[in-house]
Amino acid sequence: MPARFWVTSHHKGIVTERAHFIVQLAAFEAVLDRRDAALLDALHEGPKSLAELATLRFVYRRGFVAPFVHDVESRSIEQHLTALMSQGAVGKEEETFFLR
């Protein structure tokens, strides 16, 4: 989509060069892919609940403490799990997620 500028989040700000935006977008996609891989690795060890997965820290480094960490981890993991379930890679039984 043609644009003169792109407004980003996560402290990246406004981008005025398309090439730079494409680089940032690719880097963001790589982060999402790494999180998917880490989540699949965690489930390879055995089925887990969302609460259990949230303690593994896919978004924030272990040791980082803030009131919002658990909620962000849970919501992010839930979004990844939804995508992975739609791809058929992950299944859910009651409150437990597992590899297919």
PDB file of N, CA and C in Angstrom:
ATOM      1  N   MET A   1       0.851  -1.163   0.000  1.00  0.00           N
ATOM      2  CA  MET A   1       0.000   0.000   0.000  1.00  0.00           C
ATOM      3  C   MET A   1       0.906   1.238   0.000  1.00  0.00           C
ATOM      4  N   PRO A   2       0.696   2.119  -0.949  1.00  0.00           N
ATOM      5  CA  PRO A   2       1.516   3.332  -0.970  1.00  0.00           C
ATOM      6  C   PRO A   2       1.191   4.237   0.227  1.00  0.00           C
ATOM      7  N   ALA A   3       2.232   4.806   0.783  1.00  0.00           N
ATOM      8  CA  ALA A   3       2.051   5.729   1.914  1.00  0.00           C
ATOM      9  C   ALA A   3       3.254   6.665   1.985  1.00  0.00           C
ATOM     10  N   ARG A   4       3.068   7.801   2.641  1.00  0.00           N
ATOM     11  CA  ARG A   4       4.176   8.735   2.842  1.00  0.00           C
ATOM     12  C   ARG A   4       4.867   8.487   4.169  1.00  0.00           C
ATOM     13  N   PHE A   5       4.131   7.894   5.120  1.00  0.00           N
ATOM     14  CA  PHE A   5       4.739   7.536   6.390  1.00  0.00           C
ATOM     15  C   PHE A   5       3.931   6.418   7.032  1.00  0.00           C
ATOM     16  N   TRP A   6       4.597   5.694   7.932  1.00  0.00           N
ATOM     17  CA  TRP A   6       3.980   4.592   8.656  1.00  0.00           C
ATOM     18  C   TRP A   6       4.141   4.881  10.141  1.00  0.00           C
ATOM     19  N   VAL A   7       3.069   4.755  10.879  1.00  0.00           N
ATOM     20  CA  VAL A   7       3.113   4.977  12.323  1.00  0.00           C
ATOM     21  C   VAL A   7       3.187   3.597  12.969  1.00  0.00           C
ATOM     22  N   THR A   8       4.256   3.375  13.722  1.00  0.00           N
ATOM     23  CA  THR A   8       4.499   2.070  14.314  1.00  0.00           C
ATOM     24  C   THR A   8       4.333   2.144  15.824  1.00  0.00           C
ATOM     25  N   SER A   9       4.386   0.999  16.436  1.00  0.00           N
ATOM     26  CA  SER A   9       4.318   0.949  17.896  1.00  0.00           C
ATOM     27  C   SER A   9       5.587   0.303  18.426  1.00  0.00           C
ATOM     28  N   HIS A  10       5.566  -0.069  19.682  1.00  0.00           N
ATOM     29  CA  HIS A  10       6.715  -0.700  20.317  1.00  0.00           C
ATOM     30  C   HIS A  10       7.965   0.177  20.225  1.00  0.00           C
ATOM     31  N   HIS A  11       7.755   1.460  20.422  1.00  0.00           N
ATOM     32  CA  HIS A  11       8.860   2.417  20.529  1.00  0.00           C
ATOM     33  C   HIS A  11       9.640   2.612  19.231  1.00  0.00           C
ATOM     34  N   LYS A  12       9.055   2.302  18.103  1.00  0.00           N
ATOM     35  CA  LYS A  12       9.741   2.485  16.825  1.00  0.00           C
ATOM     36  C   LYS A  12       9.433   3.850  16.214  1.00  0.00           C
ATOM     37  N   GLY A  13       8.253   4.388  16.497  1.00  0.00           N
ATOM     38  CA  GLY A  13       7.914   5.727  16.025  1.00  0.00           C
ATOM     39  C   GLY A  13       7.408   5.771  14.603  1.00  0.00           C
ATOM     40  N   ILE A  14       7.591   6.936  13.989  1.00  0.00           N
ATOM     41  CA  ILE A  14       7.122   7.181  12.629  1.00  0.00           C
ATOM     42  C   ILE A  14       8.249   6.864  11.653  1.00  0.00           C
ATOM     43  N   VAL A  15       7.917   6.129  10.613  1.00  0.00           N
ATOM     44  CA  VAL A  15       8.886   5.756   9.584  1.00  0.00           C
ATOM     45  C   VAL A  15       8.488   6.458   8.291  1.00  0.00           C
ATOM     46  N   THR A  16       9.454   7.112   7.661  1.00  0.00           N
ATOM     47  CA  THR A  16       9.153   7.871   6.445  1.00  0.00           C
ATOM     48  C   THR A  16       9.750   7.251   5.184  1.00  0.00           C
ATOM     49  N   GLU A  17      10.532   6.184   5.335  1.00  0.00           N
ATOM     50  CA  GLU A  17      11.115   5.517   4.174  1.00  0.00           C
ATOM     51  C   GLU A  17      10.559   4.103   4.077  1.00  0.00           C
ATOM     52  N   ARG A  18       9.983   3.800   2.929  1.00  0.00           N
ATOM     53  CA  ARG A  18       9.369   2.488   2.735  1.00  0.00           C
ATOM     54  C   ARG A  18      10.374   1.351   2.977  1.00  0.00           C
ATOM     55  N   ALA A  19      11.587   1.480   2.473  1.00  0.00           N
ATOM     56  CA  ALA A  19      12.587   0.422   2.633  1.00  0.00           C
ATOM     57  C   ALA A  19      12.858   0.144   4.115  1.00  0.00           C
ATOM     58  N   HIS A  20      12.941   1.198   4.897  1.00  0.00           N
ATOM     59  CA  HIS A  20      13.165   1.032   6.339  1.00  0.00           C
ATOM     60  C   HIS A  20      11.957   0.360   6.992  1.00  0.00           C
ATOM     61  N   PHE A  21      10.769   0.731   6.559  1.00  0.00           N
ATOM     62  CA  PHE A  21       9.561   0.110   7.092  1.00  0.00           C
ATOM     63  C   PHE A  21       9.547  -1.387   6.779  1.00  0.00           C
ATOM     64  N   ILE A  22       9.919  -1.756   5.562  1.00  0.00           N
ATOM     65  CA  ILE A  22       9.937  -3.158   5.158  1.00  0.00           C
ATOM     66  C   ILE A  22      10.936  -3.945   6.006  1.00  0.00           C
ATOM     67  N   VAL A  23      12.092  -3.352   6.311  1.00  0.00           N
ATOM     68  CA  VAL A  23      13.081  -4.002   7.167  1.00  0.00           C
ATOM     69  C   VAL A  23      12.508  -4.214   8.568  1.00  0.00           C
ATOM     70  N   GLN A  24      11.866  -3.184   9.115  1.00  0.00           N
ATOM     71  CA  GLN A  24      11.264  -3.308  10.448  1.00  0.00           C
ATOM     72  C   GLN A  24      10.151  -4.350  10.458  1.00  0.00           C
ATOM     73  N   LEU A  25       9.370  -4.391   9.407  1.00  0.00           N
ATOM     74  CA  LEU A  25       8.281  -5.357   9.311  1.00  0.00           C
ATOM     75  C   LEU A  25       8.826  -6.788   9.261  1.00  0.00           C
ATOM     76  N   ALA A  26       9.896  -6.990   8.513  1.00  0.00           N
ATOM     77  CA  ALA A  26      10.522  -8.314   8.442  1.00  0.00           C
ATOM     78  C   ALA A  26      11.080  -8.718   9.806  1.00  0.00           C
ATOM     79  N   ALA A  27      11.672  -7.774  10.515  1.00  0.00           N
ATOM     80  CA  ALA A  27      12.209  -8.070  11.855  1.00  0.00           C
ATOM     81  C   ALA A  27      11.074  -8.458  12.799  1.00  0.00           C
ATOM     82  N   PHE A  28       9.944  -7.772  12.719  1.00  0.00           N
ATOM     83  CA  PHE A  28       8.793  -8.094  13.557  1.00  0.00           C
ATOM     84  C   PHE A  28       8.262  -9.488  13.221  1.00  0.00           C
ATOM     85  N   GLU A  29       8.192  -9.804  11.935  1.00  0.00           N
ATOM     86  CA  GLU A  29       7.734 -11.127  11.516  1.00  0.00           C
ATOM     87  C   GLU A  29       8.670 -12.215  12.057  1.00  0.00           C
ATOM     88  N   ALA A  30       9.961 -11.940  12.070  1.00  0.00           N
ATOM     89  CA  ALA A  30      10.933 -12.904  12.599  1.00  0.00           C
ATOM     90  C   ALA A  30      10.712 -13.144  14.091  1.00  0.00           C
ATOM     91  N   VAL A  31      10.368 -12.100  14.822  1.00  0.00           N
ATOM     92  CA  VAL A  31      10.068 -12.246  16.252  1.00  0.00           C
ATOM     93  C   VAL A  31       8.852 -13.149  16.433  1.00  0.00           C
ATOM     94  N   LEU A  32       7.831 -12.930  15.635  1.00  0.00           N
ATOM     95  CA  LEU A  32       6.631 -13.768  15.727  1.00  0.00           C
ATOM     96  C   LEU A  32       6.958 -15.219  15.404  1.00  0.00           C
ATOM     97  N   ASP A  33       7.786 -15.443  14.382  1.00  0.00           N
ATOM     98  CA  ASP A  33       8.178 -16.806  14.024  1.00  0.00           C
ATOM     99  C   ASP A  33       8.972 -17.470  15.150  1.00  0.00           C
ATOM    100  N   ARG A  34       9.879 -16.710  15.785  1.00  0.00           N
ATOM    101  CA  ARG A  34      10.655 -17.261  16.897  1.00  0.00           C
ATOM    102  C   ARG A  34       9.749 -17.636  18.066  1.00  0.00           C
ATOM    103  N   ARG A  35       8.755 -16.791  18.333  1.00  0.00           N
ATOM    104  CA  ARG A  35       7.821 -17.101  19.424  1.00  0.00           C
ATOM    105  C   ARG A  35       6.998 -18.343  19.107  1.00  0.00           C
ATOM    106  N   ASP A  36       6.557 -18.475  17.854  1.00  0.00           N
ATOM    107  CA  ASP A  36       5.830 -19.694  17.461  1.00  0.00           C
ATOM    108  C   ASP A  36       6.707 -20.922  17.685  1.00  0.00           C
ATOM    109  N   ALA A  37       7.959 -20.847  17.251  1.00  0.00           N
ATOM    110  CA  ALA A  37       8.876 -21.980  17.400  1.00  0.00           C
ATOM    111  C   ALA A  37       9.110 -22.308  18.869  1.00  0.00           C
ATOM    112  N   ALA A  38       9.289 -21.284  19.691  1.00  0.00           N
ATOM    113  CA  ALA A  38       9.512 -21.505  21.127  1.00  0.00           C
ATOM    114  C   ALA A  38       8.267 -22.110  21.778  1.00  0.00           C
ATOM    115  N   LEU A  39       7.115 -21.671  21.359  1.00  0.00           N
ATOM    116  CA  LEU A  39       5.865 -22.211  21.890  1.00  0.00           C
ATOM    117  C   LEU A  39       5.698 -23.673  21.491  1.00  0.00           C
ATOM    118  N   LEU A  40       6.001 -23.993  20.244  1.00  0.00           N
ATOM    119  CA  LEU A  40       5.926 -25.389  19.796  1.00  0.00           C
ATOM    120  C   LEU A  40       6.940 -26.249  20.542  1.00  0.00           C
ATOM    121  N   ASP A  41       8.128 -25.710  20.779  1.00  0.00           N
ATOM    122  CA  ASP A  41       9.133 -26.446  21.567  1.00  0.00           C
ATOM    123  C   ASP A  41       8.611 -26.731  22.974  1.00  0.00           C
ATOM    124  N   ALA A  42       7.974 -25.746  23.585  1.00  0.00           N
ATOM    125  CA  ALA A  42       7.434 -25.930  24.938  1.00  0.00           C
ATOM    126  C   ALA A  42       6.361 -27.004  24.953  1.00  0.00           C
ATOM    127  N   LEU A  43       5.531 -27.030  23.926  1.00  0.00           N
ATOM    128  CA  LEU A  43       4.475 -28.039  23.855  1.00  0.00           C
ATOM    129  C   LEU A  43       5.029 -29.406  23.466  1.00  0.00           C
ATOM    130  N   HIS A  44       6.184 -29.421  22.835  1.00  0.00           N
ATOM    131  CA  HIS A  44       6.835 -30.694  22.513  1.00  0.00           C
ATOM    132  C   HIS A  44       7.195 -31.450  23.795  1.00  0.00           C
ATOM    133  N   GLU A  45       7.473 -30.692  24.846  1.00  0.00           N
ATOM    134  CA  GLU A  45       7.787 -31.296  26.151  1.00  0.00           C
ATOM    135  C   GLU A  45       6.552 -31.911  26.802  1.00  0.00           C
ATOM    136  N   GLY A  46       5.374 -31.512  26.354  1.00  0.00           N
ATOM    137  CA  GLY A  46       4.133 -32.055  26.889  1.00  0.00           C
ATOM    138  C   GLY A  46       3.047 -31.000  26.908  1.00  0.00           C
ATOM    139  N   PRO A  47       1.790 -31.424  27.008  1.00  0.00           N
ATOM    140  CA  PRO A  47       0.656 -30.499  27.046  1.00  0.00           C
ATOM    141  C   PRO A  47       0.778 -29.508  28.211  1.00  0.00           C
ATOM    142  N   LYS A  48       0.287 -28.284  27.963  1.00  0.00           N
ATOM    143  CA  LYS A  48       0.356 -27.247  28.998  1.00  0.00           C
ATOM    144  C   LYS A  48      -0.868 -26.350  28.906  1.00  0.00           C
ATOM    145  N   SER A  49      -1.219 -25.773  30.039  1.00  0.00           N
ATOM    146  CA  SER A  49      -2.296 -24.780  30.072  1.00  0.00           C
ATOM    147  C   SER A  49      -1.729 -23.418  29.675  1.00  0.00           C
ATOM    148  N   LEU A  50      -2.608 -22.496  29.399  1.00  0.00           N
ATOM    149  CA  LEU A  50      -2.186 -21.134  29.087  1.00  0.00           C
ATOM    150  C   LEU A  50      -1.430 -20.536  30.271  1.00  0.00           C
ATOM    151  N   ALA A  51      -1.900 -20.787  31.481  1.00  0.00           N
ATOM    152  CA  ALA A  51      -1.228 -20.267  32.674  1.00  0.00           C
ATOM    153  C   ALA A  51       0.191 -20.817  32.789  1.00  0.00           C
ATOM    154  N   GLU A  52       0.362 -22.105  32.489  1.00  0.00           N
ATOM    155  CA  GLU A  52       1.699 -22.696  32.534  1.00  0.00           C
ATOM    156  C   GLU A  52       2.605 -22.085  31.464  1.00  0.00           C
ATOM    157  N   LEU A  53       2.061 -21.916  30.271  1.00  0.00           N
ATOM    158  CA  LEU A  53       2.845 -21.338  29.180  1.00  0.00           C
ATOM    159  C   LEU A  53       3.259 -19.902  29.493  1.00  0.00           C
ATOM    160  N   ALA A  54       2.377 -19.153  30.129  1.00  0.00           N
ATOM    161  CA  ALA A  54       2.672 -17.750  30.442  1.00  0.00           C
ATOM    162  C   ALA A  54       3.871 -17.609  31.376  1.00  0.00           C
ATOM    163  N   THR A  55       4.117 -18.618  32.193  1.00  0.00           N
ATOM    164  CA  THR A  55       5.262 -18.548  33.113  1.00  0.00           C
ATOM    165  C   THR A  55       6.592 -18.761  32.391  1.00  0.00           C
ATOM    166  N   LEU A  56       6.547 -19.250  31.157  1.00  0.00           N
ATOM    167  CA  LEU A  56       7.776 -19.554  30.414  1.00  0.00           C
ATOM    168  C   LEU A  56       8.405 -18.320  29.759  1.00  0.00           C
ATOM    169  N   ARG A  57       7.661 -17.248  29.682  1.00  0.00           N
ATOM    170  CA  ARG A  57       8.163 -15.965  29.183  1.00  0.00           C
ATOM    171  C   ARG A  57       8.573 -15.992  27.713  1.00  0.00           C
ATOM    172  N   PHE A  58       7.630 -15.846  26.848  1.00  0.00           N
ATOM    173  CA  PHE A  58       7.870 -15.758  25.412  1.00  0.00           C
ATOM    174  C   PHE A  58       8.041 -14.313  24.954  1.00  0.00           C
ATOM    175  N   VAL A  59       7.547 -13.368  25.733  1.00  0.00           N
ATOM    176  CA  VAL A  59       7.621 -11.952  25.358  1.00  0.00           C
ATOM    177  C   VAL A  59       8.689 -11.237  26.175  1.00  0.00           C
ATOM    178  N   TYR A  60       8.591 -11.315  27.487  1.00  0.00           N
ATOM    179  CA  TYR A  60       9.525 -10.606  28.370  1.00  0.00           C
ATOM    180  C   TYR A  60      10.600 -11.551  28.885  1.00  0.00           C
ATOM    181  N   ARG A  61      11.774 -10.999  29.101  1.00  0.00           N
ATOM    182  CA  ARG A  61      12.862 -11.802  29.664  1.00  0.00           C
ATOM    183  C   ARG A  61      12.506 -12.230  31.083  1.00  0.00           C
ATOM    184  N   ARG A  62      12.960 -13.415  31.437  1.00  0.00           N
ATOM    185  CA  ARG A  62      12.780 -13.875  32.817  1.00  0.00           C
ATOM    186  C   ARG A  62      13.514 -12.916  33.734  1.00  0.00           C
ATOM    187  N   GLY A  63      12.908 -12.624  34.848  1.00  0.00           N
ATOM    188  CA  GLY A  63      13.505 -11.682  35.788  1.00  0.00           C
ATOM    189  C   GLY A  63      12.948 -10.273  35.648  1.00  0.00           C
ATOM    190  N   PHE A  64      12.371  -9.940  34.474  1.00  0.00           N
ATOM    191  CA  PHE A  64      11.736  -8.634  34.320  1.00  0.00           C
ATOM    192  C   PHE A  64      10.417  -8.670  35.071  1.00  0.00           C
ATOM    193  N   VAL A  65      10.237  -7.720  35.973  1.00  0.00           N
ATOM    194  CA  VAL A  65       9.044  -7.703  36.813  1.00  0.00           C
ATOM    195  C   VAL A  65       8.265  -6.417  36.564  1.00  0.00           C
ATOM    196  N   ALA A  66       6.993  -6.561  36.274  1.00  0.00           N
ATOM    197  CA  ALA A  66       6.080  -5.430  36.108  1.00  0.00           C
ATOM    198  C   ALA A  66       4.663  -5.969  36.253  1.00  0.00           C
ATOM    199  N   PRO A  67       3.733  -5.132  36.686  1.00  0.00           N
ATOM    200  CA  PRO A  67       2.366  -5.605  36.939  1.00  0.00           C
ATOM    201  C   PRO A  67       1.657  -6.165  35.699  1.00  0.00           C
ATOM    202  N   PHE A  68       2.066  -5.739  34.518  1.00  0.00           N
ATOM    203  CA  PHE A  68       1.371  -6.128  33.291  1.00  0.00           C
ATOM    204  C   PHE A  68       1.940  -7.375  32.617  1.00  0.00           C
ATOM    205  N   VAL A  69       3.063  -7.893  33.100  1.00  0.00           N
ATOM    206  CA  VAL A  69       3.769  -8.980  32.412  1.00  0.00           C
ATOM    207  C   VAL A  69       2.882 -10.205  32.209  1.00  0.00           C
ATOM    208  N   HIS A  70       2.241 -10.687  33.247  1.00  0.00           N
ATOM    209  CA  HIS A  70       1.428 -11.903  33.120  1.00  0.00           C
ATOM    210  C   HIS A  70       0.317 -11.712  32.083  1.00  0.00           C
ATOM    211  N   ASP A  71      -0.350 -10.559  32.116  1.00  0.00           N
ATOM    212  CA  ASP A  71      -1.438 -10.319  31.162  1.00  0.00           C
ATOM    213  C   ASP A  71      -0.926 -10.259  29.726  1.00  0.00           C
ATOM    214  N   VAL A  72       0.198  -9.585  29.515  1.00  0.00           N
ATOM    215  CA  VAL A  72       0.766  -9.488  28.161  1.00  0.00           C
ATOM    216  C   VAL A  72       1.215 -10.868  27.675  1.00  0.00           C
ATOM    217  N   GLU A  73       1.910 -11.593  28.542  1.00  0.00           N
ATOM    218  CA  GLU A  73       2.345 -12.945  28.165  1.00  0.00           C
ATOM    219  C   GLU A  73       1.131 -13.807  27.804  1.00  0.00           C
ATOM    220  N   SER A  74       0.108 -13.795  28.642  1.00  0.00           N
ATOM    221  CA  SER A  74      -1.075 -14.623  28.404  1.00  0.00           C
ATOM    222  C   SER A  74      -1.763 -14.260  27.100  1.00  0.00           C
ATOM    223  N   ARG A  75      -1.962 -12.983  26.875  1.00  0.00           N
ATOM    224  CA  ARG A  75      -2.664 -12.541  25.654  1.00  0.00           C
ATOM    225  C   ARG A  75      -1.845 -12.850  24.405  1.00  0.00           C
ATOM    226  N   SER A  76      -0.548 -12.610  24.463  1.00  0.00           N
ATOM    227  CA  SER A  76       0.308 -12.882  23.302  1.00  0.00           C
ATOM    228  C   SER A  76       0.327 -14.372  22.974  1.00  0.00           C
ATOM    229  N   ILE A  77       0.497 -15.188  23.998  1.00  0.00           N
ATOM    230  CA  ILE A  77       0.526 -16.635  23.790  1.00  0.00           C
ATOM    231  C   ILE A  77      -0.816 -17.117  23.248  1.00  0.00           C
ATOM    232  N   GLU A  78      -1.893 -16.578  23.784  1.00  0.00           N
ATOM    233  CA  GLU A  78      -3.229 -16.958  23.312  1.00  0.00           C
ATOM    234  C   GLU A  78      -3.383 -16.663  21.816  1.00  0.00           C
ATOM    235  N   GLN A  79      -2.868 -15.515  21.366  1.00  0.00           N
ATOM    236  CA  GLN A  79      -2.946 -15.164  19.949  1.00  0.00           C
ATOM    237  C   GLN A  79      -2.113 -16.127  19.107  1.00  0.00           C
ATOM    238  N   HIS A  80      -0.924 -16.461  19.587  1.00  0.00           N
ATOM    239  CA  HIS A  80      -0.086 -17.427  18.867  1.00  0.00           C
ATOM    240  C   HIS A  80      -0.769 -18.793  18.815  1.00  0.00           C
ATOM    241  N   LEU A  81      -1.331 -19.225  19.932  1.00  0.00           N
ATOM    242  CA  LEU A  81      -2.008 -20.524  19.971  1.00  0.00           C
ATOM    243  C   LEU A  81      -3.196 -20.562  19.018  1.00  0.00           C
ATOM    244  N   THR A  82      -3.945 -19.488  18.945  1.00  0.00           N
ATOM    245  CA  THR A  82      -5.084 -19.418  18.027  1.00  0.00           C
ATOM    246  C   THR A  82      -4.620 -19.608  16.588  1.00  0.00           C
ATOM    247  N   ALA A  83      -3.533 -18.924  16.229  1.00  0.00           N
ATOM    248  CA  ALA A  83      -2.994 -19.055  14.872  1.00  0.00           C
ATOM    249  C   ALA A  83      -2.482 -20.476  14.630  1.00  0.00           C
ATOM    250  N   LEU A  84      -1.770 -21.025  15.598  1.00  0.00           N
ATOM    251  CA  LEU A  84      -1.229 -22.378  15.447  1.00  0.00           C
ATOM    252  C   LEU A  84      -2.338 -23.428  15.389  1.00  0.00           C
ATOM    253  N   MET A  85      -3.429 -23.206  16.111  1.00  0.00           N
ATOM    254  CA  MET A  85      -4.561 -24.128  16.029  1.00  0.00           C
ATOM    255  C   MET A  85      -5.217 -24.041  14.654  1.00  0.00           C
ATOM    256  N   SER A  86      -5.318 -22.834  14.095  1.00  0.00           N
ATOM    257  CA  SER A  86      -5.926 -22.686  12.767  1.00  0.00           C
ATOM    258  C   SER A  86      -5.070 -23.339  11.681  1.00  0.00           C
ATOM    259  N   GLN A  87      -3.767 -23.478  11.956  1.00  0.00           N
ATOM    260  CA  GLN A  87      -2.857 -24.153  11.019  1.00  0.00           C
ATOM    261  C   GLN A  87      -2.820 -25.663  11.248  1.00  0.00           C
ATOM    262  N   GLY A  88      -3.479 -26.121  12.310  1.00  0.00           N
ATOM    263  CA  GLY A  88      -3.510 -27.538  12.620  1.00  0.00           C
ATOM    264  C   GLY A  88      -2.290 -28.047  13.374  1.00  0.00           C
ATOM    265  N   ALA A  89      -1.423 -27.148  13.845  1.00  0.00           N
ATOM    266  CA  ALA A  89      -0.200 -27.551  14.544  1.00  0.00           C
ATOM    267  C   ALA A  89      -0.438 -27.826  16.024  1.00  0.00           C
ATOM    268  N   VAL A  90      -1.471 -27.203  16.574  1.00  0.00           N
ATOM    269  CA  VAL A  90      -1.762 -27.297  18.007  1.00  0.00           C
ATOM    270  C   VAL A  90      -3.228 -27.642  18.190  1.00  0.00           C
ATOM    271  N   GLY A  91      -3.509 -28.435  19.211  1.00  0.00           N
ATOM    272  CA  GLY A  91      -4.880 -28.759  19.569  1.00  0.00           C
ATOM    273  C   GLY A  91      -5.158 -28.311  20.990  1.00  0.00           C
ATOM    274  N   LYS A  92      -6.418 -28.323  21.354  1.00  0.00           N
ATOM    275  CA  LYS A  92      -6.821 -27.915  22.702  1.00  0.00           C
ATOM    276  C   LYS A  92      -7.892 -28.862  23.202  1.00  0.00           C
ATOM    277  N   GLU A  93      -7.710 -29.327  24.423  1.00  0.00           N
ATOM    278  CA  GLU A  93      -8.710 -30.141  25.092  1.00  0.00           C
ATOM    279  C   GLU A  93      -8.945 -29.518  26.453  1.00  0.00           C
ATOM    280  N   GLU A  94     -10.161 -29.057  26.663  1.00  0.00           N
ATOM    281  CA  GLU A  94     -10.510 -28.289  27.857  1.00  0.00           C
ATOM    282  C   GLU A  94      -9.577 -27.091  27.948  1.00  0.00           C
ATOM    283  N   GLU A  95      -8.742 -27.001  28.970  1.00  0.00           N
ATOM    284  CA  GLU A  95      -7.853 -25.838  29.130  1.00  0.00           C
ATOM    285  C   GLU A  95      -6.400 -26.167  28.822  1.00  0.00           C
ATOM    286  N   THR A  96      -6.174 -27.299  28.146  1.00  0.00           N
ATOM    287  CA  THR A  96      -4.812 -27.754  27.886  1.00  0.00           C
ATOM    288  C   THR A  96      -4.525 -27.753  26.388  1.00  0.00           C
ATOM    289  N   PHE A  97      -3.345 -27.243  26.041  1.00  0.00           N
ATOM    290  CA  PHE A  97      -2.894 -27.191  24.652  1.00  0.00           C
ATOM    291  C   PHE A  97      -1.856 -28.273  24.422  1.00  0.00           C
ATOM    292  N   PHE A  98      -1.842 -28.840  23.221  1.00  0.00           N
ATOM    293  CA  PHE A  98      -0.921 -29.916  22.903  1.00  0.00           C
ATOM    294  C   PHE A  98      -0.564 -29.865  21.418  1.00  0.00           C
ATOM    295  N   LEU A  99       0.547 -30.514  21.063  1.00  0.00           N
ATOM    296  CA  LEU A  99       0.942 -30.615  19.666  1.00  0.00           C
ATOM    297  C   LEU A  99       0.061 -31.623  18.946  1.00  0.00           C
ATOM    298  N   ARG A 100      -0.205 -31.372  17.711  1.00  0.00           N
ATOM    299  CA  ARG A 100      -0.951 -32.330  16.879  1.00  0.00           C
ATOM    300  C   ARG A 100       0.025 -33.118  16.053  1.00  0.00           C
TER     301      ARG A 100
END
